[in-house]
Amino acid sequence: MNGNVSVGGERYRFQTEIQCIAEGSGVMSTTMVHVRVDGKVKDTASKALAAMGMSVSDAVRMLLVRVAAEKALPFEVRVPNAITVKAMRAADRGEGKRYKSAEALLQDLGV
């Protein structure tokens, strides 16, 4: 799978390649999974996961166990519609309203 994603205002291109290598013979044999991902994404994720006491391997293992058990991703995957994409691009360019607090935003919205 290939694509682009925005994280924290920065755009990243990603390419996913999974390679599995079976090891052992028996009920609890393991398989090695290799994943290609942008270096900045890996470094940022590694630091965030380390702060949680986990490695990238731990996170991938947890994801795959959940997918296997639930037959679905453990999060919702959505593709933004045209209006949302337009707004995201405008925000990336620094356009649009800015608020100093959530309260100011809610007040402007009349909530």
Protein backbone atom coordinates (compact mmCIF):
# COMPACT_ATOMS: atom_id res chain seq x y z
CA MET A 1 0.00 0.00 0.00
CA ASN A 2 1.35 3.45 -0.86
CA GLY A 3 0.04 6.89 0.02
CA ASN A 4 0.50 10.19 1.81
CA VAL A 5 -0.52 11.27 5.28
CA SER A 6 -0.36 14.52 7.25
CA VAL A 7 0.86 14.30 10.84
CA GLY A 8 1.26 17.40 12.97
CA GLY A 9 1.13 19.64 9.92
CA GLU A 10 3.86 17.70 8.10
CA ARG A 11 3.17 15.52 5.06
CA TYR A 12 4.71 12.08 4.84
CA ARG A 13 4.78 9.65 1.93
CA PHE A 14 4.47 6.03 2.97
CA GLN A 15 4.99 2.68 1.36
CA THR A 16 4.07 -0.48 3.17
CA GLU A 17 5.79 -3.73 2.39
CA ILE A 18 5.30 -6.72 4.65
CA GLN A 19 7.62 -9.69 4.41
CA CYS A 20 6.99 -12.74 6.57
CA ILE A 21 9.62 -15.32 7.51
CA ALA A 22 8.44 -18.43 9.38
CA GLU A 23 10.63 -19.75 12.20
CA GLY A 24 10.29 -22.90 14.24
CA SER A 25 8.01 -25.84 13.85
CA GLY A 26 5.27 -26.41 16.32
CA VAL A 27 2.22 -24.86 17.84
CA MET A 28 3.98 -21.63 18.89
CA SER A 29 6.18 -21.00 15.85
CA THR A 30 6.87 -17.36 15.14
CA THR A 31 7.08 -15.34 11.95
CA MET A 32 9.23 -12.29 11.38
CA VAL A 33 7.48 -9.31 9.77
CA HIS A 34 9.47 -6.60 7.97
CA VAL A 35 7.69 -3.28 7.36
CA ARG A 36 9.00 -0.38 5.25
CA VAL A 37 8.05 3.04 6.57
CA ASP A 38 9.41 6.60 6.33
CA GLY A 39 12.36 7.07 8.70
CA LYS A 40 10.90 10.17 10.36
CA VAL A 41 7.65 8.35 11.07
CA LYS A 42 9.53 5.38 12.56
CA ASP A 43 11.72 7.60 14.74
CA THR A 44 8.75 9.63 16.01
CA ALA A 45 6.69 6.50 16.66
CA SER A 46 9.63 4.77 18.36
CA LYS A 47 10.04 7.68 20.78
CA ALA A 48 6.31 7.81 21.54
CA LEU A 49 6.15 4.04 22.07
CA ALA A 50 9.29 4.07 24.26
CA ALA A 51 7.58 6.64 26.48
CA MET A 52 4.80 4.06 26.89
CA GLY A 53 7.32 1.32 27.66
CA MET A 54 6.84 -0.40 24.30
CA SER A 55 8.88 -1.08 21.18
CA VAL A 56 7.76 -0.83 17.57
CA SER A 57 7.73 -4.64 17.49
CA ASP A 58 5.43 -4.71 20.55
CA ALA A 59 3.01 -2.28 18.88
CA VAL A 60 2.95 -4.20 15.59
CA ARG A 61 2.46 -7.48 17.47
CA MET A 62 -0.46 -5.98 19.44
CA LEU A 63 -2.03 -4.63 16.23
CA LEU A 64 -1.79 -7.99 14.45
CA VAL A 65 -3.18 -9.91 17.44
CA ARG A 66 -6.19 -7.55 17.57
CA VAL A 67 -6.77 -7.80 13.80
CA ALA A 68 -6.59 -11.59 13.97
CA ALA A 69 -9.00 -11.75 16.92
CA GLU A 70 -11.50 -9.15 15.72
CA LYS A 71 -11.16 -9.56 11.94
CA ALA A 72 -10.97 -5.76 11.68
CA LEU A 73 -8.61 -2.88 12.38
CA PRO A 74 -8.83 -1.67 16.00
CA PHE A 75 -9.48 1.88 14.77
CA GLU A 76 -11.66 3.51 12.16
CA VAL A 77 -10.05 4.28 8.80
CA ARG A 78 -11.65 7.16 6.99
CA VAL A 79 -10.94 8.99 3.77
CA PRO A 80 -11.64 12.72 4.07
CA ASN A 81 -14.25 14.15 1.73
CA ALA A 82 -13.49 17.00 -0.71
CA ILE A 83 -14.57 19.74 1.74
CA THR A 84 -12.35 18.34 4.50
CA VAL A 85 -9.37 17.98 2.13
CA LYS A 86 -9.82 21.61 1.04
CA ALA A 87 -9.92 22.76 4.67
CA MET A 88 -6.86 20.68 5.58
CA ARG A 89 -4.87 22.15 2.69
CA ALA A 90 -5.92 25.67 3.68
CA ALA A 91 -4.84 24.99 7.27
CA ASP A 92 -1.48 23.66 6.02
CA ARG A 93 -1.02 27.00 4.23
CA GLY A 94 -1.82 28.87 7.46
CA GLU A 95 -5.19 30.08 6.20
CA GLY A 96 -8.41 30.13 8.17
CA LYS A 97 -9.42 31.27 11.62
CA ARG A 98 -7.14 30.70 14.59
CA TYR A 99 -8.24 30.61 18.21
CA LYS A 100 -6.21 31.07 21.36
CA SER A 101 -8.35 28.55 23.27
CA ALA A 102 -11.09 25.96 22.89
CA GLU A 103 -13.41 28.32 24.75
CA ALA A 104 -12.85 31.04 22.13
CA LEU A 105 -13.66 28.55 19.36
CA LEU A 106 -16.83 27.38 21.10
CA GLN A 107 -17.91 30.98 21.73
CA ASP A 108 -17.42 31.82 18.04
CA LEU A 109 -19.48 28.74 17.13
CA GLY A 110 -22.21 29.85 19.54
CA VAL A 111 -21.94 26.70 21.63
